[in-house]
Amino acid sequence: MAPDSKEIQFLEGRQSRRKELYFTVKVAWEFIKGFRTLHFVGPCITIFGSARLGEKTPEYQQTVEIAGQISKLGFTIMTGGGPGIMEAANRGAKSVGGRSVGVNIELPFEQQPNPYLDRSVDIRYFFVRKVLLLKYSYGFVIMPGGFGTLDEFFETITLIQTKKISKFPIVIMDRDYHNKLMEYIDHMVERGTVSPSDKELYLYTDSIDEAVKYIHENTIDDFELKTESKRWKPFGWLFERS
């Protein structure tokens, strides 16, 4: 897929009113498409991670395991829908008979929907995709990843820190991989740009059992969450599926 030249033009500054209205309509359609696809997926836990860590890596295998354990709690596993860690998370859910969904980003490289998705939606814009990954989730797991994973982590924790969304649990897995990141967060605390209490917004661990317990206590227990989704009737004229 070639880069979207119209999106690039929009981000370069002021455009004609007609072009900006057209772009707004396209964004609105992307949201509607996402809402209609994901409306009945049930309470989710979103797992973020690299598209570049394949099946033979220990991070992939760890993700399969933690996704399976979380799925057994009754959650739908949600990811960015692509390969690598995302595939591992969706695979882990499917391996235990759980539900697995993805919000795939349309890119010229890397990103094709993985084969372990019960339901997926292709989204053109990153910011729309991130809203969808947050909207349906009651918790988040951060696996090893690159710029995109860090972007998703910091945006999520910022929304929780500023109380724009509820205090959903965040788990950062793999202490060895994230050691330098945690050191830098400590540095920000020392410099006063991050509050010491903000470190209580996430669990930093290598233990899958500890991570699953933390998610259980801070979702199902905390929010009195029932993981059986409400049985609303789908509207055929909206192309909805239960």
C-alpha atoms as a PDB file:
ATOM      1  CA  MET A   1       0.000   0.000   0.000  1.00  0.00           C
ATOM      2  CA  ALA A   2       1.401   3.411  -0.956  1.00  0.00           C
ATOM      3  CA  PRO A   3       1.545   6.201   1.628  1.00  0.00           C
ATOM      4  CA  ASP A   4      -1.632   8.304   1.748  1.00  0.00           C
ATOM      5  CA  SER A   5      -0.593  11.532  -0.018  1.00  0.00           C
ATOM      6  CA  LYS A   6      -3.810  13.270   1.043  1.00  0.00           C
ATOM      7  CA  GLU A   7      -3.091  12.527   4.702  1.00  0.00           C
ATOM      8  CA  ILE A   8       0.460  13.857   4.311  1.00  0.00           C
ATOM      9  CA  GLN A   9      -0.885  17.044   2.725  1.00  0.00           C
ATOM     10  CA  PHE A  10      -3.364  17.494   5.579  1.00  0.00           C
ATOM     11  CA  LEU A  11      -0.589  17.270   8.165  1.00  0.00           C
ATOM     12  CA  GLU A  12       1.544  19.835   6.353  1.00  0.00           C
ATOM     13  CA  GLY A  13      -0.635  22.741   7.413  1.00  0.00           C
ATOM     14  CA  ARG A  14      -3.721  24.684   6.458  1.00  0.00           C
ATOM     15  CA  GLN A  15      -5.678  23.349   3.482  1.00  0.00           C
ATOM     16  CA  SER A  16      -8.762  24.552   1.687  1.00  0.00           C
ATOM     17  CA  ARG A  17     -12.002  24.249   3.633  1.00  0.00           C
ATOM     18  CA  ARG A  18     -13.239  21.699   1.131  1.00  0.00           C
ATOM     19  CA  LYS A  19     -10.201  19.454   1.607  1.00  0.00           C
ATOM     20  CA  GLU A  20     -10.368  19.713   5.383  1.00  0.00           C
ATOM     21  CA  LEU A  21     -14.070  18.878   5.397  1.00  0.00           C
ATOM     22  CA  TYR A  22     -13.412  15.873   3.160  1.00  0.00           C
ATOM     23  CA  PHE A  23     -10.654  14.657   5.481  1.00  0.00           C
ATOM     24  CA  THR A  24     -12.975  15.063   8.493  1.00  0.00           C
ATOM     25  CA  VAL A  25     -15.658  12.977   6.792  1.00  0.00           C
ATOM     26  CA  LYS A  26     -13.127  10.223   6.063  1.00  0.00           C
ATOM     27  CA  VAL A  27     -12.015  10.197   9.706  1.00  0.00           C
ATOM     28  CA  ALA A  28     -15.632  10.022  10.892  1.00  0.00           C
ATOM     29  CA  TRP A  29     -16.228   7.062   8.579  1.00  0.00           C
ATOM     30  CA  GLU A  30     -13.170   5.281  10.009  1.00  0.00           C
ATOM     31  CA  PHE A  31     -14.585   5.679  13.524  1.00  0.00           C
ATOM     32  CA  ILE A  32     -18.033   4.453  12.475  1.00  0.00           C
ATOM     33  CA  LYS A  33     -16.489   1.447  10.733  1.00  0.00           C
ATOM     34  CA  GLY A  34     -14.543   0.605  13.901  1.00  0.00           C
ATOM     35  CA  PHE A  35     -17.528   1.081  16.220  1.00  0.00           C
ATOM     36  CA  ARG A  36     -19.750  -1.159  14.104  1.00  0.00           C
ATOM     37  CA  THR A  37     -17.112  -3.923  13.921  1.00  0.00           C
ATOM     38  CA  LEU A  38     -16.199  -3.923  17.620  1.00  0.00           C
ATOM     39  CA  HIS A  39     -19.517  -3.097  19.305  1.00  0.00           C
ATOM     40  CA  PHE A  40     -20.195  -6.690  20.376  1.00  0.00           C
ATOM     41  CA  VAL A  41     -16.687  -7.978  21.120  1.00  0.00           C
ATOM     42  CA  GLY A  42     -17.159  -7.766  24.914  1.00  0.00           C
ATOM     43  CA  PRO A  43     -14.742  -6.403  27.542  1.00  0.00           C
ATOM     44  CA  CYS A  44     -11.186  -6.523  26.186  1.00  0.00           C
ATOM     45  CA  ILE A  45      -7.622  -6.528  27.400  1.00  0.00           C
ATOM     46  CA  THR A  46      -5.335  -4.934  24.828  1.00  0.00           C
ATOM     47  CA  ILE A  47      -1.823  -6.327  24.375  1.00  0.00           C
ATOM     48  CA  PHE A  48       0.743  -4.044  22.723  1.00  0.00           C
ATOM     49  CA  GLY A  49       4.063  -5.216  21.284  1.00  0.00           C
ATOM     50  CA  SER A  50       6.401  -5.379  18.340  1.00  0.00           C
ATOM     51  CA  ALA A  51       5.429  -6.627  14.902  1.00  0.00           C
ATOM     52  CA  ARG A  52       9.055  -7.714  14.406  1.00  0.00           C
ATOM     53  CA  LEU A  53       9.426 -10.376  17.124  1.00  0.00           C
ATOM     54  CA  GLY A  54       8.536 -13.648  15.459  1.00  0.00           C
ATOM     55  CA  GLU A  55       7.477 -17.112  16.526  1.00  0.00           C
ATOM     56  CA  LYS A  56      10.964 -18.308  17.482  1.00  0.00           C
ATOM     57  CA  THR A  57      11.591 -15.540  20.025  1.00  0.00           C
ATOM     58  CA  PRO A  58      10.982 -16.020  23.763  1.00  0.00           C
ATOM     59  CA  GLU A  59       8.887 -12.829  23.797  1.00  0.00           C
ATOM     60  CA  TYR A  60       6.463 -14.378  21.310  1.00  0.00           C
ATOM     61  CA  GLN A  61       6.054 -17.524  23.405  1.00  0.00           C
ATOM     62  CA  GLN A  62       5.606 -15.498  26.595  1.00  0.00           C
ATOM     63  CA  THR A  63       2.890 -13.453  24.901  1.00  0.00           C
ATOM     64  CA  VAL A  64       1.020 -16.581  23.781  1.00  0.00           C
ATOM     65  CA  GLU A  65       1.002 -17.764  27.400  1.00  0.00           C
ATOM     66  CA  ILE A  66      -0.088 -14.525  29.059  1.00  0.00           C
ATOM     67  CA  ALA A  67      -2.808 -13.922  26.459  1.00  0.00           C
ATOM     68  CA  GLY A  68      -4.152 -17.407  27.067  1.00  0.00           C
ATOM     69  CA  GLN A  69      -4.236 -16.890  30.831  1.00  0.00           C
ATOM     70  CA  ILE A  70      -5.997 -13.518  30.506  1.00  0.00           C
ATOM     71  CA  SER A  71      -8.462 -14.998  28.026  1.00  0.00           C
ATOM     72  CA  LYS A  72      -9.404 -17.629  30.605  1.00  0.00           C
ATOM     73  CA  LEU A  73     -10.641 -14.807  32.845  1.00  0.00           C
ATOM     74  CA  GLY A  74     -13.326 -14.170  30.232  1.00  0.00           C
ATOM     75  CA  PHE A  75     -11.765 -11.235  28.410  1.00  0.00           C
ATOM     76  CA  THR A  76     -11.496 -10.776  24.678  1.00  0.00           C
ATOM     77  CA  ILE A  77      -7.875 -10.273  23.649  1.00  0.00           C
ATOM     78  CA  MET A  78      -7.433  -7.183  21.477  1.00  0.00           C
ATOM     79  CA  THR A  79      -4.301  -6.243  19.529  1.00  0.00           C
ATOM     80  CA  GLY A  80      -3.185  -4.146  16.610  1.00  0.00           C
ATOM     81  CA  GLY A  81      -4.018  -7.174  14.467  1.00  0.00           C
ATOM     82  CA  GLY A  82      -0.621  -7.604  12.831  1.00  0.00           C
ATOM     83  CA  PRO A  83       2.274 -10.084  13.056  1.00  0.00           C
ATOM     84  CA  GLY A  84       4.844 -10.648  15.818  1.00  0.00           C
ATOM     85  CA  ILE A  85       3.709  -9.992  19.372  1.00  0.00           C
ATOM     86  CA  MET A  86       0.244  -9.051  18.140  1.00  0.00           C
ATOM     87  CA  GLU A  87      -0.111 -12.399  16.412  1.00  0.00           C
ATOM     88  CA  ALA A  88       1.157 -14.168  19.538  1.00  0.00           C
ATOM     89  CA  ALA A  89      -1.491 -12.493  21.702  1.00  0.00           C
ATOM     90  CA  ASN A  90      -4.336 -13.360  19.333  1.00  0.00           C
ATOM     91  CA  ARG A  91      -2.947 -16.886  19.012  1.00  0.00           C
ATOM     92  CA  GLY A  92      -2.848 -17.290  22.783  1.00  0.00           C
ATOM     93  CA  ALA A  93      -6.515 -16.364  23.054  1.00  0.00           C
ATOM     94  CA  LYS A  94      -7.529 -18.763  20.289  1.00  0.00           C
ATOM     95  CA  SER A  95      -5.489 -21.599  21.801  1.00  0.00           C
ATOM     96  CA  VAL A  96      -7.725 -21.656  24.907  1.00  0.00           C
ATOM     97  CA  GLY A  97     -11.003 -21.075  23.068  1.00  0.00           C
ATOM     98  CA  GLY A  98     -11.144 -17.345  23.837  1.00  0.00           C
ATOM     99  CA  ARG A  99     -12.180 -14.425  21.652  1.00  0.00           C
ATOM    100  CA  SER A 100      -9.566 -12.599  19.621  1.00  0.00           C
ATOM    101  CA  VAL A 101      -9.930  -9.280  17.771  1.00  0.00           C
ATOM    102  CA  GLY A 102      -7.632  -6.854  15.984  1.00  0.00           C
ATOM    103  CA  VAL A 103      -7.510  -3.252  14.817  1.00  0.00           C
ATOM    104  CA  ASN A 104      -5.141  -3.437  11.887  1.00  0.00           C
ATOM    105  CA  ILE A 105      -3.319  -0.373  10.579  1.00  0.00           C
ATOM    106  CA  GLU A 106      -2.925  -0.009   6.834  1.00  0.00           C
ATOM    107  CA  LEU A 107       0.808   0.366   6.149  1.00  0.00           C
ATOM    108  CA  PRO A 108       3.054  -0.074   3.102  1.00  0.00           C
ATOM    109  CA  PHE A 109       5.133  -2.658   5.043  1.00  0.00           C
ATOM    110  CA  GLU A 110       4.953  -5.094   7.973  1.00  0.00           C
ATOM    111  CA  GLN A 111       1.260  -4.948   8.704  1.00  0.00           C
ATOM    112  CA  GLN A 112      -1.021  -7.673   7.422  1.00  0.00           C
ATOM    113  CA  PRO A 113      -3.833  -9.095   9.594  1.00  0.00           C
ATOM    114  CA  ASN A 114      -2.711 -12.244  11.390  1.00  0.00           C
ATOM    115  CA  PRO A 115      -4.659 -15.522  10.997  1.00  0.00           C
ATOM    116  CA  TYR A 116      -5.831 -15.763  14.638  1.00  0.00           C
ATOM    117  CA  LEU A 117      -8.516 -13.078  14.554  1.00  0.00           C
ATOM    118  CA  ASP A 118     -12.206 -13.749  15.096  1.00  0.00           C
ATOM    119  CA  ARG A 119     -12.923 -10.216  13.989  1.00  0.00           C
ATOM    120  CA  SER A 120     -10.815  -7.364  12.660  1.00  0.00           C
ATOM    121  CA  VAL A 121     -11.101  -3.933  11.133  1.00  0.00           C
ATOM    122  CA  ASP A 122      -8.595  -2.170   8.867  1.00  0.00           C
ATOM    123  CA  ILE A 123      -7.952   1.445   9.847  1.00  0.00           C
ATOM    124  CA  ARG A 124      -6.100   4.059   7.800  1.00  0.00           C
ATOM    125  CA  TYR A 125      -5.198   6.534  10.566  1.00  0.00           C
ATOM    126  CA  PHE A 126      -3.065   5.775  13.623  1.00  0.00           C
ATOM    127  CA  PHE A 127      -4.998   8.101  15.931  1.00  0.00           C
ATOM    128  CA  VAL A 128      -8.310   6.424  15.064  1.00  0.00           C
ATOM    129  CA  ARG A 129      -6.745   3.033  15.667  1.00  0.00           C
ATOM    130  CA  LYS A 130      -5.435   4.055  19.089  1.00  0.00           C
ATOM    131  CA  VAL A 131      -8.858   5.323  20.146  1.00  0.00           C
ATOM    132  CA  LEU A 132     -10.400   1.967  19.217  1.00  0.00           C
ATOM    133  CA  LEU A 133      -7.708  -0.006  21.051  1.00  0.00           C
ATOM    134  CA  LEU A 134      -8.439   2.044  24.179  1.00  0.00           C
ATOM    135  CA  LYS A 135     -12.224   2.344  23.906  1.00  0.00           C
ATOM    136  CA  TYR A 136     -13.081  -1.322  24.421  1.00  0.00           C
ATOM    137  CA  SER A 137     -10.346  -2.250  26.924  1.00  0.00           C
ATOM    138  CA  TYR A 138     -10.293  -2.606  30.692  1.00  0.00           C
ATOM    139  CA  GLY A 139      -6.551  -3.224  30.938  1.00  0.00           C
ATOM    140  CA  PHE A 140      -3.335  -3.152  28.953  1.00  0.00           C
ATOM    141  CA  VAL A 141      -0.230  -5.330  28.663  1.00  0.00           C
ATOM    142  CA  ILE A 142       2.979  -3.822  27.303  1.00  0.00           C
ATOM    143  CA  MET A 143       5.270  -6.415  25.745  1.00  0.00           C
ATOM    144  CA  PRO A 144       8.656  -5.623  24.151  1.00  0.00           C
ATOM    145  CA  GLY A 145       8.240  -3.312  21.195  1.00  0.00           C
ATOM    146  CA  GLY A 146       9.515  -0.278  19.351  1.00  0.00           C
ATOM    147  CA  PHE A 147       8.378   3.297  18.780  1.00  0.00           C
ATOM    148  CA  GLY A 148       4.758   2.309  18.187  1.00  0.00           C
ATOM    149  CA  THR A 149       4.524   0.274  21.383  1.00  0.00           C
ATOM    150  CA  LEU A 150       6.079   3.070  23.442  1.00  0.00           C
ATOM    151  CA  ASP A 151       3.707   5.564  21.855  1.00  0.00           C
ATOM    152  CA  GLU A 152       0.747   3.387  22.842  1.00  0.00           C
ATOM    153  CA  PHE A 153       2.073   2.892  26.372  1.00  0.00           C
ATOM    154  CA  PHE A 154       2.742   6.569  27.057  1.00  0.00           C
ATOM    155  CA  GLU A 155      -0.530   7.741  25.539  1.00  0.00           C
ATOM    156  CA  THR A 156      -2.468   5.207  27.630  1.00  0.00           C
ATOM    157  CA  ILE A 157      -0.718   6.070  30.876  1.00  0.00           C
ATOM    158  CA  THR A 158      -1.107   9.805  30.163  1.00  0.00           C
ATOM    159  CA  LEU A 159      -4.867   9.374  29.752  1.00  0.00           C
ATOM    160  CA  ILE A 160      -5.014   7.486  33.063  1.00  0.00           C
ATOM    161  CA  GLN A 161      -2.711   9.979  34.820  1.00  0.00           C
ATOM    162  CA  THR A 162      -4.861  12.917  33.686  1.00  0.00           C
ATOM    163  CA  LYS A 163      -8.097  11.029  34.515  1.00  0.00           C
ATOM    164  CA  LYS A 164      -9.342  11.159  30.933  1.00  0.00           C
ATOM    165  CA  ILE A 165     -10.043   7.430  31.276  1.00  0.00           C
ATOM    166  CA  SER A 166     -10.555   5.265  34.348  1.00  0.00           C
ATOM    167  CA  LYS A 167      -7.638   3.810  36.274  1.00  0.00           C
ATOM    168  CA  PHE A 168      -7.375   0.644  34.253  1.00  0.00           C
ATOM    169  CA  PRO A 169      -4.411  -1.630  35.008  1.00  0.00           C
ATOM    170  CA  ILE A 170      -1.246  -1.482  32.918  1.00  0.00           C
ATOM    171  CA  VAL A 171       1.255  -4.355  33.033  1.00  0.00           C
ATOM    172  CA  ILE A 172       4.783  -3.927  31.659  1.00  0.00           C
ATOM    173  CA  MET A 173       6.237  -7.367  30.951  1.00  0.00           C
ATOM    174  CA  ASP A 174       9.917  -8.325  30.570  1.00  0.00           C
ATOM    175  CA  ARG A 175      12.085  -6.531  33.099  1.00  0.00           C
ATOM    176  CA  ASP A 176      15.277  -7.111  31.137  1.00  0.00           C
ATOM    177  CA  TYR A 177      13.925  -5.480  27.962  1.00  0.00           C
ATOM    178  CA  HIS A 178      12.313  -2.515  29.744  1.00  0.00           C
ATOM    179  CA  ASN A 179      15.073  -1.918  32.301  1.00  0.00           C
ATOM    180  CA  LYS A 180      16.414   1.234  30.621  1.00  0.00           C
ATOM    181  CA  LEU A 181      12.908   2.600  30.170  1.00  0.00           C
ATOM    182  CA  MET A 182      12.210   2.163  33.888  1.00  0.00           C
ATOM    183  CA  GLU A 183      15.507   3.874  34.698  1.00  0.00           C
ATOM    184  CA  TYR A 184      14.483   6.818  32.552  1.00  0.00           C
ATOM    185  CA  ILE A 185      11.112   7.036  34.290  1.00  0.00           C
ATOM    186  CA  ASP A 186      13.021   7.107  37.599  1.00  0.00           C
ATOM    187  CA  HIS A 187      15.126   9.927  36.145  1.00  0.00           C
ATOM    188  CA  MET A 188      11.957  11.875  35.288  1.00  0.00           C
ATOM    189  CA  VAL A 189      10.695  11.365  38.836  1.00  0.00           C
ATOM    190  CA  GLU A 190      14.012  12.695  40.188  1.00  0.00           C
ATOM    191  CA  ARG A 191      13.754  15.762  37.947  1.00  0.00           C
ATOM    192  CA  GLY A 192      10.177  16.391  39.017  1.00  0.00           C
ATOM    193  CA  THR A 193       8.588  15.991  35.584  1.00  0.00           C
ATOM    194  CA  VAL A 194       6.744  12.848  36.711  1.00  0.00           C
ATOM    195  CA  SER A 195       5.110  12.387  40.110  1.00  0.00           C
ATOM    196  CA  PRO A 196       6.391   9.493  42.275  1.00  0.00           C
ATOM    197  CA  SER A 197       2.787   8.323  42.604  1.00  0.00           C
ATOM    198  CA  ASP A 198       2.571   7.898  38.822  1.00  0.00           C
ATOM    199  CA  LYS A 199       4.760   4.811  39.172  1.00  0.00           C
ATOM    200  CA  GLU A 200       1.805   3.198  40.930  1.00  0.00           C
ATOM    201  CA  LEU A 201      -0.178   3.311  37.687  1.00  0.00           C
ATOM    202  CA  TYR A 202       1.531   0.198  36.314  1.00  0.00           C
ATOM    203  CA  LEU A 203       2.923  -3.182  37.348  1.00  0.00           C
ATOM    204  CA  TYR A 204       6.452  -3.983  36.185  1.00  0.00           C
ATOM    205  CA  THR A 205       7.061  -7.723  36.276  1.00  0.00           C
ATOM    206  CA  ASP A 206       8.375 -10.914  34.685  1.00  0.00           C
ATOM    207  CA  SER A 207       5.703 -13.082  36.308  1.00  0.00           C
ATOM    208  CA  ILE A 208       2.703 -14.068  34.206  1.00  0.00           C
ATOM    209  CA  ASP A 209       0.859 -15.225  37.324  1.00  0.00           C
ATOM    210  CA  GLU A 210       1.461 -11.866  39.011  1.00  0.00           C
ATOM    211  CA  ALA A 211       0.336 -10.008  35.891  1.00  0.00           C
ATOM    212  CA  VAL A 212      -2.882 -12.011  35.532  1.00  0.00           C
ATOM    213  CA  LYS A 213      -3.680 -11.601  39.239  1.00  0.00           C
ATOM    214  CA  TYR A 214      -3.090  -7.841  38.970  1.00  0.00           C
ATOM    215  CA  ILE A 215      -5.429  -7.577  35.979  1.00  0.00           C
ATOM    216  CA  HIS A 216      -8.083  -9.673  37.728  1.00  0.00           C
ATOM    217  CA  GLU A 217      -7.978  -7.595  40.919  1.00  0.00           C
ATOM    218  CA  ASN A 218      -8.002  -4.266  39.089  1.00  0.00           C
ATOM    219  CA  THR A 219     -10.703  -5.078  36.546  1.00  0.00           C
ATOM    220  CA  ILE A 220     -13.146  -7.822  37.495  1.00  0.00           C
ATOM    221  CA  ASP A 221     -12.840  -7.101  41.231  1.00  0.00           C
ATOM    222  CA  ASP A 222     -12.350  -3.324  41.113  1.00  0.00           C
ATOM    223  CA  PHE A 223     -15.027  -2.531  38.544  1.00  0.00           C
ATOM    224  CA  GLU A 224     -17.297  -5.457  39.504  1.00  0.00           C
ATOM    225  CA  LEU A 225     -16.889  -6.347  35.865  1.00  0.00           C
ATOM    226  CA  LYS A 226     -18.932  -9.079  34.291  1.00  0.00           C
ATOM    227  CA  THR A 227     -17.005 -10.428  31.343  1.00  0.00           C
ATOM    228  CA  GLU A 228     -20.138 -11.771  29.699  1.00  0.00           C
ATOM    229  CA  SER A 229     -21.050  -8.969  27.305  1.00  0.00           C
ATOM    230  CA  LYS A 230     -24.584  -7.586  27.309  1.00  0.00           C
ATOM    231  CA  ARG A 231     -26.788  -9.343  24.811  1.00  0.00           C
ATOM    232  CA  TRP A 232     -27.846  -6.353  22.799  1.00  0.00           C
ATOM    233  CA  LYS A 233     -29.561  -7.206  19.563  1.00  0.00           C
ATOM    234  CA  PRO A 234     -27.464  -6.404  16.478  1.00  0.00           C
ATOM    235  CA  PHE A 235     -29.025  -4.079  13.927  1.00  0.00           C
ATOM    236  CA  GLY A 236     -28.868  -5.604  10.469  1.00  0.00           C
ATOM    237  CA  TRP A 237     -29.248  -2.240   8.766  1.00  0.00           C
ATOM    238  CA  LEU A 238     -26.000  -1.176  10.476  1.00  0.00           C
ATOM    239  CA  PHE A 239     -24.263  -4.360   9.244  1.00  0.00           C
ATOM    240  CA  GLU A 240     -23.702  -5.459  12.856  1.00  0.00           C
ATOM    241  CA  ARG A 241     -22.782  -8.972  13.969  1.00  0.00           C
ATOM    242  CA  SER A 242     -22.922 -10.353  17.505  1.00  0.00           C
END
